[in-house]
Amino acid sequence: MARYAHLPIFQKSYELLKWIYFCVSKFPKAEKFALGQKIKLVAMDFLDQVIRANGAKNKAPHLEEAAQLLEILRIHVRLSFDLSLINPKRYELLSGKIDEIGRMLGGWRKSNV
């Protein structure tokens, strides 16, 4: 098993990515390949940074990049909601997952100071 699979932040991020794929699949065709693609890529990049941080001696740059990506993801998901691409229930679920991951990331960042 991979060295990162045990991390709660990895598990939560992986679940978020699966939910994002599900939600984006419901976008209208024009947005699925524009905003939807961007959301998926940012979420994948975030997961990549979690994996990189776990294996790095100096975790700080990866955790900083992850924090920036999570904020970008938060804004794109909110835009999707504001454009009525995501219904309120899915938005609440995604926002809750992003917030939870943000708290976990904040704790990880503080522990690596």
C-alpha atoms as a PDB file:
ATOM      1  CA  MET A   1       0.000   0.000   0.000  1.00  0.00           C
ATOM      2  CA  ALA A   2       1.166   3.518  -0.700  1.00  0.00           C
ATOM      3  CA  ARG A   3       2.772   5.572   2.077  1.00  0.00           C
ATOM      4  CA  TYR A   4       0.095   8.264   1.825  1.00  0.00           C
ATOM      5  CA  ALA A   5      -3.067   6.128   1.789  1.00  0.00           C
ATOM      6  CA  HIS A   6      -3.225   6.098   5.593  1.00  0.00           C
ATOM      7  CA  LEU A   7      -3.396   9.896   5.812  1.00  0.00           C
ATOM      8  CA  PRO A   8      -6.862  11.156   6.755  1.00  0.00           C
ATOM      9  CA  ILE A   9      -6.338  14.260   4.593  1.00  0.00           C
ATOM     10  CA  PHE A  10      -5.535  12.029   1.613  1.00  0.00           C
ATOM     11  CA  GLN A  11      -8.634   9.920   2.209  1.00  0.00           C
ATOM     12  CA  LYS A  12     -10.891  12.977   2.549  1.00  0.00           C
ATOM     13  CA  SER A  13      -9.337  14.617  -0.517  1.00  0.00           C
ATOM     14  CA  TYR A  14      -9.795  11.461  -2.548  1.00  0.00           C
ATOM     15  CA  GLU A  15     -13.471  11.301  -1.537  1.00  0.00           C
ATOM     16  CA  LEU A  16     -13.861  14.987  -2.443  1.00  0.00           C
ATOM     17  CA  LEU A  17     -12.353  14.312  -5.864  1.00  0.00           C
ATOM     18  CA  LYS A  18     -14.842  11.501  -6.482  1.00  0.00           C
ATOM     19  CA  TRP A  19     -17.726  13.821  -5.512  1.00  0.00           C
ATOM     20  CA  ILE A  20     -16.364  16.523  -7.787  1.00  0.00           C
ATOM     21  CA  TYR A  21     -16.307  14.101 -10.706  1.00  0.00           C
ATOM     22  CA  PHE A  22     -19.910  13.166  -9.962  1.00  0.00           C
ATOM     23  CA  CYS A  23     -21.075  16.789  -9.694  1.00  0.00           C
ATOM     24  CA  VAL A  24     -19.201  17.934 -12.801  1.00  0.00           C
ATOM     25  CA  SER A  25     -20.730  15.098 -14.805  1.00  0.00           C
ATOM     26  CA  LYS A  26     -24.094  16.816 -14.222  1.00  0.00           C
ATOM     27  CA  PHE A  27     -22.901  20.178 -15.615  1.00  0.00           C
ATOM     28  CA  PRO A  28     -24.252  21.301 -18.990  1.00  0.00           C
ATOM     29  CA  LYS A  29     -21.954  20.287 -21.835  1.00  0.00           C
ATOM     30  CA  ALA A  30     -20.480  23.766 -22.351  1.00  0.00           C
ATOM     31  CA  GLU A  31     -19.508  24.118 -18.685  1.00  0.00           C
ATOM     32  CA  LYS A  32     -18.441  20.499 -18.252  1.00  0.00           C
ATOM     33  CA  PHE A  33     -15.456  21.167 -20.488  1.00  0.00           C
ATOM     34  CA  ALA A  34     -14.686  24.660 -19.180  1.00  0.00           C
ATOM     35  CA  LEU A  35     -15.323  25.342 -15.506  1.00  0.00           C
ATOM     36  CA  GLY A  36     -15.914  21.668 -14.743  1.00  0.00           C
ATOM     37  CA  GLN A  37     -12.554  20.648 -16.196  1.00  0.00           C
ATOM     38  CA  LYS A  38     -10.816  23.406 -14.236  1.00  0.00           C
ATOM     39  CA  ILE A  39     -12.419  22.236 -10.981  1.00  0.00           C
ATOM     40  CA  LYS A  40     -11.341  18.649 -11.607  1.00  0.00           C
ATOM     41  CA  LEU A  41      -7.763  19.678 -12.432  1.00  0.00           C
ATOM     42  CA  VAL A  42      -7.414  21.878  -9.352  1.00  0.00           C
ATOM     43  CA  ALA A  43      -8.759  19.082  -7.134  1.00  0.00           C
ATOM     44  CA  MET A  44      -6.315  16.604  -8.696  1.00  0.00           C
ATOM     45  CA  ASP A  45      -3.437  19.054  -8.270  1.00  0.00           C
ATOM     46  CA  PHE A  46      -4.396  19.462  -4.612  1.00  0.00           C
ATOM     47  CA  LEU A  47      -4.310  15.697  -4.103  1.00  0.00           C
ATOM     48  CA  ASP A  48      -0.919  15.596  -5.848  1.00  0.00           C
ATOM     49  CA  GLN A  49       0.445  18.194  -3.411  1.00  0.00           C
ATOM     50  CA  VAL A  50      -0.786  16.157  -0.434  1.00  0.00           C
ATOM     51  CA  ILE A  51       1.102  13.147  -1.791  1.00  0.00           C
ATOM     52  CA  ARG A  52       4.226  15.224  -2.458  1.00  0.00           C
ATOM     53  CA  ALA A  53       4.128  16.838   0.990  1.00  0.00           C
ATOM     54  CA  ASN A  54       3.865  13.482   2.693  1.00  0.00           C
ATOM     55  CA  GLY A  55       7.034  12.241   0.989  1.00  0.00           C
ATOM     56  CA  ALA A  56       9.066  15.445   1.244  1.00  0.00           C
ATOM     57  CA  LYS A  57      11.614  16.358   3.881  1.00  0.00           C
ATOM     58  CA  ASN A  58      10.629  20.010   3.553  1.00  0.00           C
ATOM     59  CA  LYS A  59       6.844  19.848   3.509  1.00  0.00           C
ATOM     60  CA  ALA A  60       6.234  23.609   3.769  1.00  0.00           C
ATOM     61  CA  PRO A  61       6.335  24.486   0.027  1.00  0.00           C
ATOM     62  CA  HIS A  62       3.968  21.637  -0.843  1.00  0.00           C
ATOM     63  CA  LEU A  63       1.589  22.500   1.973  1.00  0.00           C
ATOM     64  CA  GLU A  64       1.578  26.161   0.916  1.00  0.00           C
ATOM     65  CA  GLU A  65       0.800  25.176  -2.670  1.00  0.00           C
ATOM     66  CA  ALA A  66      -1.926  22.842  -1.411  1.00  0.00           C
ATOM     67  CA  ALA A  67      -3.472  25.684   0.614  1.00  0.00           C
ATOM     68  CA  GLN A  68      -3.548  27.918  -2.456  1.00  0.00           C
ATOM     69  CA  LEU A  69      -5.089  25.183  -4.572  1.00  0.00           C
ATOM     70  CA  LEU A  70      -7.745  24.514  -1.948  1.00  0.00           C
ATOM     71  CA  GLU A  71      -8.701  28.194  -1.914  1.00  0.00           C
ATOM     72  CA  ILE A  72      -8.921  28.212  -5.728  1.00  0.00           C
ATOM     73  CA  LEU A  73     -11.088  25.096  -5.565  1.00  0.00           C
ATOM     74  CA  ARG A  74     -13.345  26.721  -2.971  1.00  0.00           C
ATOM     75  CA  ILE A  75     -13.868  29.749  -5.236  1.00  0.00           C
ATOM     76  CA  HIS A  76     -14.553  27.664  -8.353  1.00  0.00           C
ATOM     77  CA  VAL A  77     -17.080  25.484  -6.529  1.00  0.00           C
ATOM     78  CA  ARG A  78     -18.803  28.620  -5.230  1.00  0.00           C
ATOM     79  CA  LEU A  79     -18.899  30.050  -8.756  1.00  0.00           C
ATOM     80  CA  SER A  80     -20.488  26.808  -9.959  1.00  0.00           C
ATOM     81  CA  PHE A  81     -23.169  27.204  -7.325  1.00  0.00           C
ATOM     82  CA  ASP A  82     -23.723  30.888  -8.136  1.00  0.00           C
ATOM     83  CA  LEU A  83     -24.156  29.942 -11.808  1.00  0.00           C
ATOM     84  CA  SER A  84     -26.697  27.253 -10.787  1.00  0.00           C
ATOM     85  CA  LEU A  85     -24.463  24.449 -12.047  1.00  0.00           C
ATOM     86  CA  ILE A  86     -24.507  22.789  -8.621  1.00  0.00           C
ATOM     87  CA  ASN A  87     -27.688  22.504  -6.590  1.00  0.00           C
ATOM     88  CA  PRO A  88     -27.727  23.757  -2.975  1.00  0.00           C
ATOM     89  CA  LYS A  89     -27.490  20.282  -1.455  1.00  0.00           C
ATOM     90  CA  ARG A  90     -24.409  19.327  -3.492  1.00  0.00           C
ATOM     91  CA  TYR A  91     -22.848  22.723  -2.848  1.00  0.00           C
ATOM     92  CA  GLU A  92     -23.335  22.298   0.881  1.00  0.00           C
ATOM     93  CA  LEU A  93     -21.777  18.839   0.731  1.00  0.00           C
ATOM     94  CA  LEU A  94     -18.778  19.974  -1.345  1.00  0.00           C
ATOM     95  CA  SER A  95     -18.247  23.095   0.778  1.00  0.00           C
ATOM     96  CA  GLY A  96     -18.355  21.038   3.942  1.00  0.00           C
ATOM     97  CA  LYS A  97     -15.771  18.624   2.593  1.00  0.00           C
ATOM     98  CA  ILE A  98     -13.523  21.480   1.454  1.00  0.00           C
ATOM     99  CA  ASP A  99     -13.817  23.164   4.869  1.00  0.00           C
ATOM    100  CA  GLU A 100     -12.977  19.937   6.686  1.00  0.00           C
ATOM    101  CA  ILE A 101      -9.943  19.367   4.460  1.00  0.00           C
ATOM    102  CA  GLY A 102      -8.915  22.981   5.014  1.00  0.00           C
ATOM    103  CA  ARG A 103      -8.924  22.468   8.775  1.00  0.00           C
ATOM    104  CA  MET A 104      -6.862  19.306   8.394  1.00  0.00           C
ATOM    105  CA  LEU A 105      -4.404  21.100   6.118  1.00  0.00           C
ATOM    106  CA  GLY A 106      -4.139  23.987   8.581  1.00  0.00           C
ATOM    107  CA  GLY A 107      -3.274  21.581  11.373  1.00  0.00           C
ATOM    108  CA  TRP A 108      -0.671  19.864   9.217  1.00  0.00           C
ATOM    109  CA  ARG A 109       0.877  23.206   8.292  1.00  0.00           C
ATOM    110  CA  LYS A 110       1.059  24.295  11.951  1.00  0.00           C
ATOM    111  CA  SER A 111       2.664  21.018  13.005  1.00  0.00           C
ATOM    112  CA  ASN A 112       5.440  21.486  10.422  1.00  0.00           C
ATOM    113  CA  VAL A 113       6.594  24.894  11.615  1.00  0.00           C
END
